[in-house]
C-alpha atoms as a PDB file:
ATOM      1  CA  MET A   1     -73.993-295.151 -67.719  1.00  0.00           C
ATOM      2  CA  LYS A   2     -71.114-295.168 -66.062  1.00  0.00           C
ATOM      3  CA  GLU A   3     -70.643-293.052 -62.641  1.00  0.00           C
ATOM      4  CA  ILE A   4     -68.793-289.844 -62.950  1.00  0.00           C
ATOM      5  CA  ILE A   5     -66.446-289.672 -59.853  1.00  0.00           C
ATOM      6  CA  GLU A   6     -65.140-286.791 -58.276  1.00  0.00           C
ATOM      7  CA  ILE A   7     -61.430-286.193 -57.375  1.00  0.00           C
ATOM      8  CA  THR A   8     -60.659-283.503 -55.016  1.00  0.00           C
ATOM      9  CA  SER A   9     -57.090-284.444 -53.625  1.00  0.00           C
ATOM     10  CA  ALA A  10     -53.477-283.715 -54.971  1.00  0.00           C
ATOM     11  CA  GLN A  11     -52.743-287.082 -53.449  1.00  0.00           C
ATOM     12  CA  ASN A  12     -54.881-289.002 -55.715  1.00  0.00           C
ATOM     13  CA  ALA A  13     -52.965-291.712 -57.617  1.00  0.00           C
ATOM     14  CA  ARG A  14     -54.399-290.749 -60.878  1.00  0.00           C
ATOM     15  CA  ILE A  15     -53.558-287.218 -60.560  1.00  0.00           C
ATOM     16  CA  LYS A  16     -49.990-288.506 -60.098  1.00  0.00           C
ATOM     17  CA  SER A  17     -50.108-290.691 -62.961  1.00  0.00           C
ATOM     18  CA  LEU A  18     -51.335-287.919 -65.358  1.00  0.00           C
ATOM     19  CA  VAL A  19     -48.669-285.634 -63.952  1.00  0.00           C
ATOM     20  CA  LYS A  20     -45.870-288.301 -64.784  1.00  0.00           C
ATOM     21  CA  LEU A  21     -47.407-288.687 -68.622  1.00  0.00           C
ATOM     22  CA  ARG A  22     -45.632-285.085 -69.089  1.00  0.00           C
ATOM     23  CA  ASP A  23     -42.430-287.063 -69.414  1.00  0.00           C
ATOM     24  CA  ARG A  24     -41.340-288.866 -72.336  1.00  0.00           C
ATOM     25  CA  ARG A  25     -40.277-291.780 -70.958  1.00  0.00           C
ATOM     26  CA  THR A  26     -43.266-292.281 -68.746  1.00  0.00           C
ATOM     27  CA  ARG A  27     -45.323-291.902 -72.121  1.00  0.00           C
ATOM     28  CA  GLU A  28     -43.206-294.387 -74.104  1.00  0.00           C
ATOM     29  CA  ALA A  29     -43.286-296.877 -71.312  1.00  0.00           C
ATOM     30  CA  GLU A  30     -46.857-296.718 -70.885  1.00  0.00           C
ATOM     31  CA  ARG A  31     -47.882-295.983 -74.309  1.00  0.00           C
ATOM     32  CA  LYS A  32     -50.260-293.170 -73.662  1.00  0.00           C
ATOM     33  CA  MET A  33     -50.503-289.822 -74.502  1.00  0.00           C
ATOM     34  CA  LEU A  34     -52.298-286.684 -73.479  1.00  0.00           C
ATOM     35  CA  VAL A  35     -55.077-284.863 -75.155  1.00  0.00           C
ATOM     36  CA  GLU A  36     -55.732-281.746 -73.585  1.00  0.00           C
ATOM     37  CA  GLY A  37     -58.150-278.695 -75.166  1.00  0.00           C
ATOM     38  CA  TYR A  38     -61.685-278.438 -76.849  1.00  0.00           C
ATOM     39  CA  ARG A  39     -60.421-278.646 -80.137  1.00  0.00           C
ATOM     40  CA  GLU A  40     -57.869-281.379 -79.700  1.00  0.00           C
ATOM     41  CA  VAL A  41     -60.621-283.729 -77.837  1.00  0.00           C
ATOM     42  CA  THR A  42     -62.993-282.934 -80.415  1.00  0.00           C
ATOM     43  CA  ARG A  43     -60.864-283.780 -83.430  1.00  0.00           C
ATOM     44  CA  ALA A  44     -59.545-286.939 -81.626  1.00  0.00           C
ATOM     45  CA  LEU A  45     -63.499-288.098 -81.357  1.00  0.00           C
ATOM     46  CA  GLU A  46     -64.266-287.308 -84.687  1.00  0.00           C
ATOM     47  CA  CYS A  47     -61.452-289.427 -86.155  1.00  0.00           C
ATOM     48  CA  GLY A  48     -62.457-292.455 -83.935  1.00  0.00           C
ATOM     49  CA  LYS A  49     -60.019-292.185 -81.275  1.00  0.00           C
ATOM     50  CA  LYS A  50     -61.396-293.674 -77.682  1.00  0.00           C
ATOM     51  CA  PHE A  51     -60.318-292.525 -74.381  1.00  0.00           C
ATOM     52  CA  SER A  52     -59.438-294.846 -71.852  1.00  0.00           C
ATOM     53  CA  GLU A  53     -59.742-292.105 -69.206  1.00  0.00           C
ATOM     54  CA  PHE A  54     -61.341-288.504 -69.009  1.00  0.00           C
ATOM     55  CA  TYR A  55     -60.821-285.741 -66.680  1.00  0.00           C
ATOM     56  CA  TYR A  56     -62.711-282.479 -66.740  1.00  0.00           C
ATOM     57  CA  SER A  57     -63.644-279.065 -64.502  1.00  0.00           C
ATOM     58  CA  GLU A  58     -66.384-277.016 -65.448  1.00  0.00           C
ATOM     59  CA  SER A  59     -64.686-273.937 -64.019  1.00  0.00           C
ATOM     60  CA  PHE A  60     -62.532-273.606 -66.895  1.00  0.00           C
ATOM     61  CA  PHE A  61     -65.107-274.431 -69.715  1.00  0.00           C
ATOM     62  CA  LEU A  62     -64.934-271.564 -72.674  1.00  0.00           C
ATOM     63  CA  GLY A  63     -68.583-272.029 -73.835  1.00  0.00           C
ATOM     64  CA  GLU A  64     -71.594-274.715 -73.457  1.00  0.00           C
ATOM     65  CA  ASN A  65     -70.137-277.078 -76.088  1.00  0.00           C
ATOM     66  CA  GLU A  66     -67.793-279.001 -73.383  1.00  0.00           C
ATOM     67  CA  LYS A  67     -70.798-280.803 -72.020  1.00  0.00           C
ATOM     68  CA  SER A  68     -71.519-282.615 -75.467  1.00  0.00           C
ATOM     69  CA  VAL A  69     -68.304-283.847 -75.592  1.00  0.00           C
ATOM     70  CA  ILE A  70     -68.297-285.230 -72.231  1.00  0.00           C
ATOM     71  CA  GLN A  71     -71.278-287.227 -72.797  1.00  0.00           C
ATOM     72  CA  LYS A  72     -69.635-288.428 -76.225  1.00  0.00           C
ATOM     73  CA  VAL A  73     -66.891-289.501 -73.856  1.00  0.00           C
ATOM     74  CA  ILE A  74     -69.000-291.373 -71.517  1.00  0.00           C
ATOM     75  CA  ASN A  75     -71.071-293.063 -74.559  1.00  0.00           C
ATOM     76  CA  SER A  76     -67.445-294.338 -75.754  1.00  0.00           C
ATOM     77  CA  GLY A  77     -67.051-296.414 -72.720  1.00  0.00           C
ATOM     78  CA  ALA A  78     -64.209-294.341 -70.827  1.00  0.00           C
ATOM     79  CA  GLU A  79     -63.748-293.615 -67.188  1.00  0.00           C
ATOM     80  CA  VAL A  80     -64.997-290.121 -66.573  1.00  0.00           C
ATOM     81  CA  PHE A  81     -63.449-287.977 -63.640  1.00  0.00           C
ATOM     82  CA  SER A  82     -64.480-284.454 -62.420  1.00  0.00           C
ATOM     83  CA  VAL A  83     -61.483-282.709 -60.928  1.00  0.00           C
ATOM     84  CA  SER A  84     -61.807-279.709 -58.355  1.00  0.00           C
ATOM     85  CA  GLN A  85     -61.005-276.291 -59.809  1.00  0.00           C
ATOM     86  CA  ASN A  86     -57.870-275.893 -57.701  1.00  0.00           C
ATOM     87  CA  LEU A  87     -56.599-279.328 -58.475  1.00  0.00           C
ATOM     88  CA  PHE A  88     -57.498-279.218 -62.407  1.00  0.00           C
ATOM     89  CA  PRO A  89     -54.497-277.194 -63.336  1.00  0.00           C
ATOM     90  CA  LYS A  90     -51.863-279.486 -62.076  1.00  0.00           C
ATOM     91  CA  ILE A  91     -52.721-281.819 -64.525  1.00  0.00           C
ATOM     92  CA  CYS A  92     -52.776-279.404 -67.607  1.00  0.00           C
ATOM     93  CA  TYR A  93     -49.935-278.768 -69.992  1.00  0.00           C
ATOM     94  CA  ARG A  94     -51.147-275.285 -70.974  1.00  0.00           C
ATOM     95  CA  ASP A  95     -51.116-272.146 -68.702  1.00  0.00           C
ATOM     96  CA  ARG A  96     -54.657-271.708 -69.563  1.00  0.00           C
ATOM     97  CA  PRO A  97     -56.843-274.832 -69.190  1.00  0.00           C
ATOM     98  CA  GLU A  98     -60.037-275.225 -71.136  1.00  0.00           C
ATOM     99  CA  GLY A  99     -61.369-277.704 -68.404  1.00  0.00           C
ATOM    100  CA  LEU A 100     -60.519-281.023 -70.784  1.00  0.00           C
ATOM    101  CA  VAL A 101     -57.720-283.881 -70.358  1.00  0.00           C
ATOM    102  CA  GLY A 102     -58.159-286.940 -71.855  1.00  0.00           C
ATOM    103  CA  VAL A 103     -55.746-290.058 -71.985  1.00  0.00           C
ATOM    104  CA  LEU A 104     -55.394-291.950 -75.252  1.00  0.00           C
ATOM    105  CA  PRO A 105     -53.283-295.047 -76.414  1.00  0.00           C
ATOM    106  CA  PHE A 106     -50.683-294.359 -78.753  1.00  0.00           C
ATOM    107  CA  PHE A 107     -51.572-295.307 -82.570  1.00  0.00           C
ATOM    108  CA  GLU A 108     -49.458-297.466 -84.805  1.00  0.00           C
ATOM    109  CA  THR A 109     -46.639-295.427 -86.641  1.00  0.00           C
ATOM    110  CA  SER A 110     -45.079-298.392 -88.528  1.00  0.00           C
ATOM    111  CA  LEU A 111     -44.046-297.335 -92.078  1.00  0.00           C
ATOM    112  CA  ASN A 112     -45.372-300.564 -93.446  1.00  0.00           C
ATOM    113  CA  ASN A 113     -48.944-299.352 -92.274  1.00  0.00           C
ATOM    114  CA  LEU A 114     -49.091-296.333 -94.098  1.00  0.00           C
ATOM    115  CA  GLU A 115     -51.368-296.809 -96.882  1.00  0.00           C
ATOM    116  CA  VAL A 116     -50.336-295.980-100.414  1.00  0.00           C
ATOM    117  CA  THR A 117     -53.409-294.185-102.078  1.00  0.00           C
ATOM    118  CA  ASN A 118     -55.042-294.532-105.089  1.00  0.00           C
ATOM    119  CA  HIS A 119     -55.617-290.719-105.679  1.00  0.00           C
ATOM    120  CA  VAL A 120     -54.274-289.283-108.899  1.00  0.00           C
ATOM    121  CA  SER A 121     -51.981-287.390-107.083  1.00  0.00           C
ATOM    122  CA  PRO A 122     -50.570-288.945-103.690  1.00  0.00           C
ATOM    123  CA  LEU A 123     -48.638-286.359-101.814  1.00  0.00           C
ATOM    124  CA  TYR A 124     -46.369-287.320 -98.867  1.00  0.00           C
ATOM    125  CA  LEU A 125     -44.555-285.116 -96.374  1.00  0.00           C
ATOM    126  CA  VAL A 126     -41.049-286.286 -95.138  1.00  0.00           C
ATOM    127  CA  VAL A 127     -39.354-284.389 -92.334  1.00  0.00           C
ATOM    128  CA  GLU A 128     -36.041-285.447 -90.751  1.00  0.00           C
ATOM    129  CA  SER A 129     -34.521-284.629 -87.380  1.00  0.00           C
ATOM    130  CA  ILE A 130     -37.176-282.199 -86.677  1.00  0.00           C
ATOM    131  CA  GLU A 131     -36.121-280.920 -82.758  1.00  0.00           C
ATOM    132  CA  LYS A 132     -39.029-278.735 -81.917  1.00  0.00           C
ATOM    133  CA  PRO A 133     -42.459-280.141 -80.901  1.00  0.00           C
ATOM    134  CA  GLY A 134     -44.140-276.635 -82.248  1.00  0.00           C
ATOM    135  CA  ASN A 135     -42.537-277.254 -85.573  1.00  0.00           C
ATOM    136  CA  LEU A 136     -43.833-280.795 -85.904  1.00  0.00           C
ATOM    137  CA  GLY A 137     -47.338-279.770 -84.923  1.00  0.00           C
ATOM    138  CA  THR A 138     -47.563-277.045 -87.208  1.00  0.00           C
ATOM    139  CA  MET A 139     -46.669-279.029 -90.336  1.00  0.00           C
ATOM    140  CA  LEU A 140     -49.058-281.551 -89.373  1.00  0.00           C
ATOM    141  CA  ARG A 141     -52.026-278.610 -89.498  1.00  0.00           C
ATOM    142  CA  THR A 142     -50.468-277.590 -92.866  1.00  0.00           C
ATOM    143  CA  ALA A 143     -50.550-281.323 -93.904  1.00  0.00           C
ATOM    144  CA  ASP A 144     -54.105-281.500 -92.916  1.00  0.00           C
ATOM    145  CA  ALA A 145     -54.960-278.498 -94.241  1.00  0.00           C
ATOM    146  CA  VAL A 146     -53.533-279.322 -98.058  1.00  0.00           C
ATOM    147  CA  GLY A 147     -54.727-283.201 -97.600  1.00  0.00           C
ATOM    148  CA  VAL A 148     -51.400-285.064 -97.828  1.00  0.00           C
ATOM    149  CA  SER A 149     -51.769-288.735 -97.926  1.00  0.00           C
ATOM    150  CA  GLY A 150     -49.232-288.962 -95.013  1.00  0.00           C
ATOM    151  CA  LEU A 151     -46.384-287.569 -93.150  1.00  0.00           C
ATOM    152  CA  ILE A 152     -43.255-289.661 -92.444  1.00  0.00           C
ATOM    153  CA  VAL A 153     -40.899-288.511 -89.426  1.00  0.00           C
ATOM    154  CA  CYS A 154     -37.190-289.578 -90.279  1.00  0.00           C
ATOM    155  CA  ASN A 155     -34.448-290.106 -87.521  1.00  0.00           C
ATOM    156  CA  ARG A 156     -37.013-288.534 -85.005  1.00  0.00           C
ATOM    157  CA  CYS A 157     -35.882-286.076 -82.694  1.00  0.00           C
ATOM    158  CA  THR A 158     -39.172-285.126 -81.104  1.00  0.00           C
ATOM    159  CA  ASP A 159     -41.629-287.486 -79.834  1.00  0.00           C
ATOM    160  CA  ILE A 160     -44.500-287.231 -81.879  1.00  0.00           C
ATOM    161  CA  PHE A 161     -46.862-287.598 -78.673  1.00  0.00           C
ATOM    162  CA  ASN A 162     -45.446-284.734 -76.842  1.00  0.00           C
ATOM    163  CA  PRO A 163     -48.532-282.374 -75.591  1.00  0.00           C
ATOM    164  CA  ASN A 164     -47.064-279.454 -77.552  1.00  0.00           C
ATOM    165  CA  VAL A 165     -46.920-281.562 -80.707  1.00  0.00           C
ATOM    166  CA  LEU A 166     -50.821-281.964 -80.064  1.00  0.00           C
ATOM    167  CA  ARG A 167     -51.448-278.552 -79.028  1.00  0.00           C
ATOM    168  CA  ALA A 168     -49.766-277.197 -82.349  1.00  0.00           C
ATOM    169  CA  SER A 169     -51.359-279.422 -84.436  1.00  0.00           C
ATOM    170  CA  THR A 170     -54.541-278.538 -83.135  1.00  0.00           C
ATOM    171  CA  GLY A 171     -55.862-281.929 -83.016  1.00  0.00           C
ATOM    172  CA  THR A 172     -54.997-282.679 -86.930  1.00  0.00           C
ATOM    173  CA  ILE A 173     -52.376-284.990 -85.278  1.00  0.00           C
ATOM    174  CA  PHE A 174     -55.303-287.432 -85.183  1.00  0.00           C
ATOM    175  CA  SER A 175     -56.502-287.035 -89.180  1.00  0.00           C
ATOM    176  CA  VAL A 176     -53.158-287.083 -90.908  1.00  0.00           C
ATOM    177  CA  PRO A 177     -51.456-290.559 -91.265  1.00  0.00           C
ATOM    178  CA  ILE A 178     -48.386-290.666 -89.615  1.00  0.00           C
ATOM    179  CA  ALA A 179     -45.079-293.061 -89.848  1.00  0.00           C
ATOM    180  CA  GLU A 180     -42.059-293.173 -88.193  1.00  0.00           C
ATOM    181  CA  ALA A 181     -38.717-294.345 -89.865  1.00  0.00           C
ATOM    182  CA  THR A 182     -35.199-294.217 -90.707  1.00  0.00           C
ATOM    183  CA  THR A 183     -33.878-292.163 -93.650  1.00  0.00           C
ATOM    184  CA  GLU A 184     -33.009-295.257 -95.536  1.00  0.00           C
ATOM    185  CA  GLU A 185     -36.020-296.839 -94.962  1.00  0.00           C
ATOM    186  CA  THR A 186     -38.242-294.211 -96.146  1.00  0.00           C
ATOM    187  CA  ILE A 187     -36.056-293.545 -99.240  1.00  0.00           C
ATOM    188  CA  GLU A 188     -36.385-297.531-100.157  1.00  0.00           C
ATOM    189  CA  TRP A 189     -40.376-297.094 -99.286  1.00  0.00           C
ATOM    190  CA  LEU A 190     -40.845-294.222-101.610  1.00  0.00           C
ATOM    191  CA  LYS A 191     -38.824-295.787-104.602  1.00  0.00           C
ATOM    192  CA  LYS A 192     -40.806-298.821-104.141  1.00  0.00           C
ATOM    193  CA  HIS A 193     -44.114-297.185-104.616  1.00  0.00           C
ATOM    194  CA  GLN A 194     -42.571-295.241-107.539  1.00  0.00           C
ATOM    195  CA  ILE A 195     -43.200-291.548-105.656  1.00  0.00           C
ATOM    196  CA  LYS A 196     -41.169-288.748-106.952  1.00  0.00           C
ATOM    197  CA  THR A 197     -39.072-287.009-104.048  1.00  0.00           C
ATOM    198  CA  ILE A 198     -38.543-283.187-103.977  1.00  0.00           C
ATOM    199  CA  ALA A 199     -36.301-281.626-101.277  1.00  0.00           C
ATOM    200  CA  ALA A 200     -36.051-278.114 -99.928  1.00  0.00           C
ATOM    201  CA  ASP A 201     -32.340-276.950 -99.868  1.00  0.00           C
ATOM    202  CA  PRO A 202     -31.329-273.149 -99.392  1.00  0.00           C
ATOM    203  CA  TYR A 203     -28.725-273.650-102.047  1.00  0.00           C
ATOM    204  CA  ALA A 204     -30.646-275.478-104.636  1.00  0.00           C
ATOM    205  CA  LYS A 205     -30.566-273.642-108.269  1.00  0.00           C
ATOM    206  CA  THR A 206     -34.133-274.428-109.207  1.00  0.00           C
ATOM    207  CA  VAL A 207     -36.782-271.962-107.654  1.00  0.00           C
ATOM    208  CA  TYR A 208     -39.613-273.926-106.229  1.00  0.00           C
ATOM    209  CA  TYR A 209     -42.499-272.418-108.351  1.00  0.00           C
ATOM    210  CA  LYS A 210     -40.605-273.299-111.552  1.00  0.00           C
ATOM    211  CA  GLN A 211     -40.852-276.961-110.302  1.00  0.00           C
ATOM    212  CA  ASN A 212     -43.250-279.637-111.713  1.00  0.00           C
ATOM    213  CA  PHE A 213     -45.037-280.914-108.450  1.00  0.00           C
ATOM    214  CA  THR A 214     -47.773-282.721-110.231  1.00  0.00           C
ATOM    215  CA  GLY A 215     -47.727-286.699-109.937  1.00  0.00           C
ATOM    216  CA  PRO A 216     -47.047-288.968-106.913  1.00  0.00           C
ATOM    217  CA  LEU A 217     -44.474-287.137-105.138  1.00  0.00           C
ATOM    218  CA  ALA A 218     -43.096-286.510-101.316  1.00  0.00           C
ATOM    219  CA  ILE A 219     -41.905-283.204-100.099  1.00  0.00           C
ATOM    220  CA  ILE A 220     -38.707-283.448 -98.149  1.00  0.00           C
ATOM    221  CA  LEU A 221     -37.683-281.193 -95.337  1.00  0.00           C
ATOM    222  CA  GLY A 222     -34.701-281.273 -92.952  1.00  0.00           C
ATOM    223  CA  ALA A 223     -33.884-280.370 -89.317  1.00  0.00           C
ATOM    224  CA  GLU A 224     -34.315-276.535 -88.120  1.00  0.00           C
ATOM    225  CA  GLN A 225     -30.417-276.009 -87.313  1.00  0.00           C
ATOM    226  CA  PHE A 226     -28.760-278.209 -89.964  1.00  0.00           C
ATOM    227  CA  GLY A 227     -31.235-279.035 -92.991  1.00  0.00           C
ATOM    228  CA  LEU A 228     -31.380-282.004 -94.816  1.00  0.00           C
ATOM    229  CA  SER A 229     -28.908-284.852 -94.755  1.00  0.00           C
ATOM    230  CA  ASP A 230     -26.239-285.518 -97.190  1.00  0.00           C
ATOM    231  CA  THR A 231     -28.455-288.229 -97.714  1.00  0.00           C
ATOM    232  CA  TRP A 232     -31.092-286.914 -98.762  1.00  0.00           C
ATOM    233  CA  LYS A 233     -29.508-284.294-101.064  1.00  0.00           C
ATOM    234  CA  ASN A 234     -27.867-287.092-103.023  1.00  0.00           C
ATOM    235  CA  LYS A 235     -30.902-289.440-103.393  1.00  0.00           C
ATOM    236  CA  SER A 236     -33.666-286.808-103.869  1.00  0.00           C
ATOM    237  CA  ASP A 237     -34.981-286.474-107.611  1.00  0.00           C
ATOM    238  CA  TYR A 238     -35.147-282.868-107.284  1.00  0.00           C
ATOM    239  CA  LEU A 239     -33.795-279.970-104.700  1.00  0.00           C
ATOM    240  CA  VAL A 240     -35.585-276.424-104.897  1.00  0.00           C
ATOM    241  CA  SER A 241     -34.991-273.467-102.747  1.00  0.00           C
ATOM    242  CA  ILE A 242     -37.419-270.588-101.680  1.00  0.00           C
ATOM    243  CA  PRO A 243     -35.983-267.453-102.808  1.00  0.00           C
ATOM    244  CA  MET A 244     -34.517-264.886 -99.901  1.00  0.00           C
ATOM    245  CA  ARG A 245     -34.170-261.069-100.316  1.00  0.00           C
ATOM    246  CA  GLY A 246     -33.210-260.213 -96.718  1.00  0.00           C
ATOM    247  CA  LEU A 247     -30.380-261.365 -94.545  1.00  0.00           C
ATOM    248  CA  ALA A 248     -31.926-264.381 -93.520  1.00  0.00           C
ATOM    249  CA  ASP A 249     -30.593-267.233 -95.316  1.00  0.00           C
ATOM    250  CA  SER A 250     -33.572-269.639 -94.587  1.00  0.00           C
ATOM    251  CA  LEU A 251     -37.103-269.660 -93.416  1.00  0.00           C
ATOM    252  CA  ASN A 252     -38.275-271.699 -90.318  1.00  0.00           C
ATOM    253  CA  VAL A 253     -38.852-275.273 -91.316  1.00  0.00           C
ATOM    254  CA  ALA A 254     -42.554-275.283 -90.981  1.00  0.00           C
ATOM    255  CA  GLN A 255     -42.999-271.767 -92.729  1.00  0.00           C
ATOM    256  CA  ALA A 256     -41.184-273.412 -95.849  1.00  0.00           C
ATOM    257  CA  GLY A 257     -43.299-276.698 -95.435  1.00  0.00           C
ATOM    258  CA  THR A 258     -46.462-274.574 -95.577  1.00  0.00           C
ATOM    259  CA  ILE A 259     -45.123-272.673 -98.821  1.00  0.00           C
ATOM    260  CA  LEU A 260     -44.106-275.842-100.684  1.00  0.00           C
ATOM    261  CA  LEU A 261     -47.153-277.779 -99.902  1.00  0.00           C
ATOM    262  CA  PHE A 262     -49.931-275.248-100.918  1.00  0.00           C
ATOM    263  CA  GLU A 263     -47.684-274.683-104.176  1.00  0.00           C
ATOM    264  CA  VAL A 264     -48.022-278.570-104.682  1.00  0.00           C
ATOM    265  CA  LYS A 265     -52.033-277.601-103.757  1.00  0.00           C
ATOM    266  CA  ARG A 266     -51.947-274.698-106.366  1.00  0.00           C
ATOM    267  CA  GLN A 267     -50.643-277.055-109.306  1.00  0.00           C
ATOM    268  CA  ILE A 268     -52.765-279.931-108.758  1.00  0.00           C
ATOM    269  CA  GLU A 269     -55.871-277.859-108.413  1.00  0.00           C
ATOM    270  CA  LEU A 270     -54.796-276.073-111.849  1.00  0.00           C
ATOM    271  CA  ASN A 271     -54.094-279.133-113.614  1.00  0.00           C
ATOM    272  CA  LEU A 272     -57.508-280.153-112.629  1.00  0.00           C
ATOM    273  CA  GLU A 273     -59.098-277.000-114.070  1.00  0.00           C
ATOM    274  CA  ASN A 274     -56.963-277.642-117.251  1.00  0.00           C
ATOM    275  CA  SER A 275     -58.045-281.128-117.937  1.00  0.00           C
END
């Protein structure tokens, strides 16, 4: 078993390296991400991810299960470090650390590596130019809950390995297949695999619950401020809207995604019951 090394100095080279990983440019240059928190670390391990480095501080543990998590990390072959209580918050992204921080290599996000499922109703979520990490993370969480076949990020604005994406996803970033591509590449890929596209547009005449969501399909969502590009509006098979009764003319993109994905799930389950 590898020896656990104690770190007590802020001048330690590993501490400085971890702090730098908060920056997107450093993450992309080193192709490494920070995974922080009990749920996030646990779900990474459950999905077969292997940490290259792992840091903990018992002072911030919320319960007793953290020790078994550390043992799993040790068994996986990672370098493990115990960090002093006063130093640990320096390597954390959160205001309230949970005592666990790991370093993982980036995983592949090529569209060519996204599997086309043989499931009776493959479902993909496509998001275009999403700017806020919290929204992307929330949509990953919903995608996991519904059981999507994959999430495709088009014309990305948000770094998918941003700590806030991981946090908002509660670790489901490791369970949902993810790809990155341009809008044009995504449209071509979906057409190649005969996947119907249904895009959310506040001005669409068809209300979402009147749309047939069964069969191989992709739900398309646009950017927070400007919505979908004209390319998606013109090339999607169908446009649907979510009725708004108040002053607001649209929902937060993550909220809209949740409504549409669960309507898809409802229709699929209803069809299975009636078949």
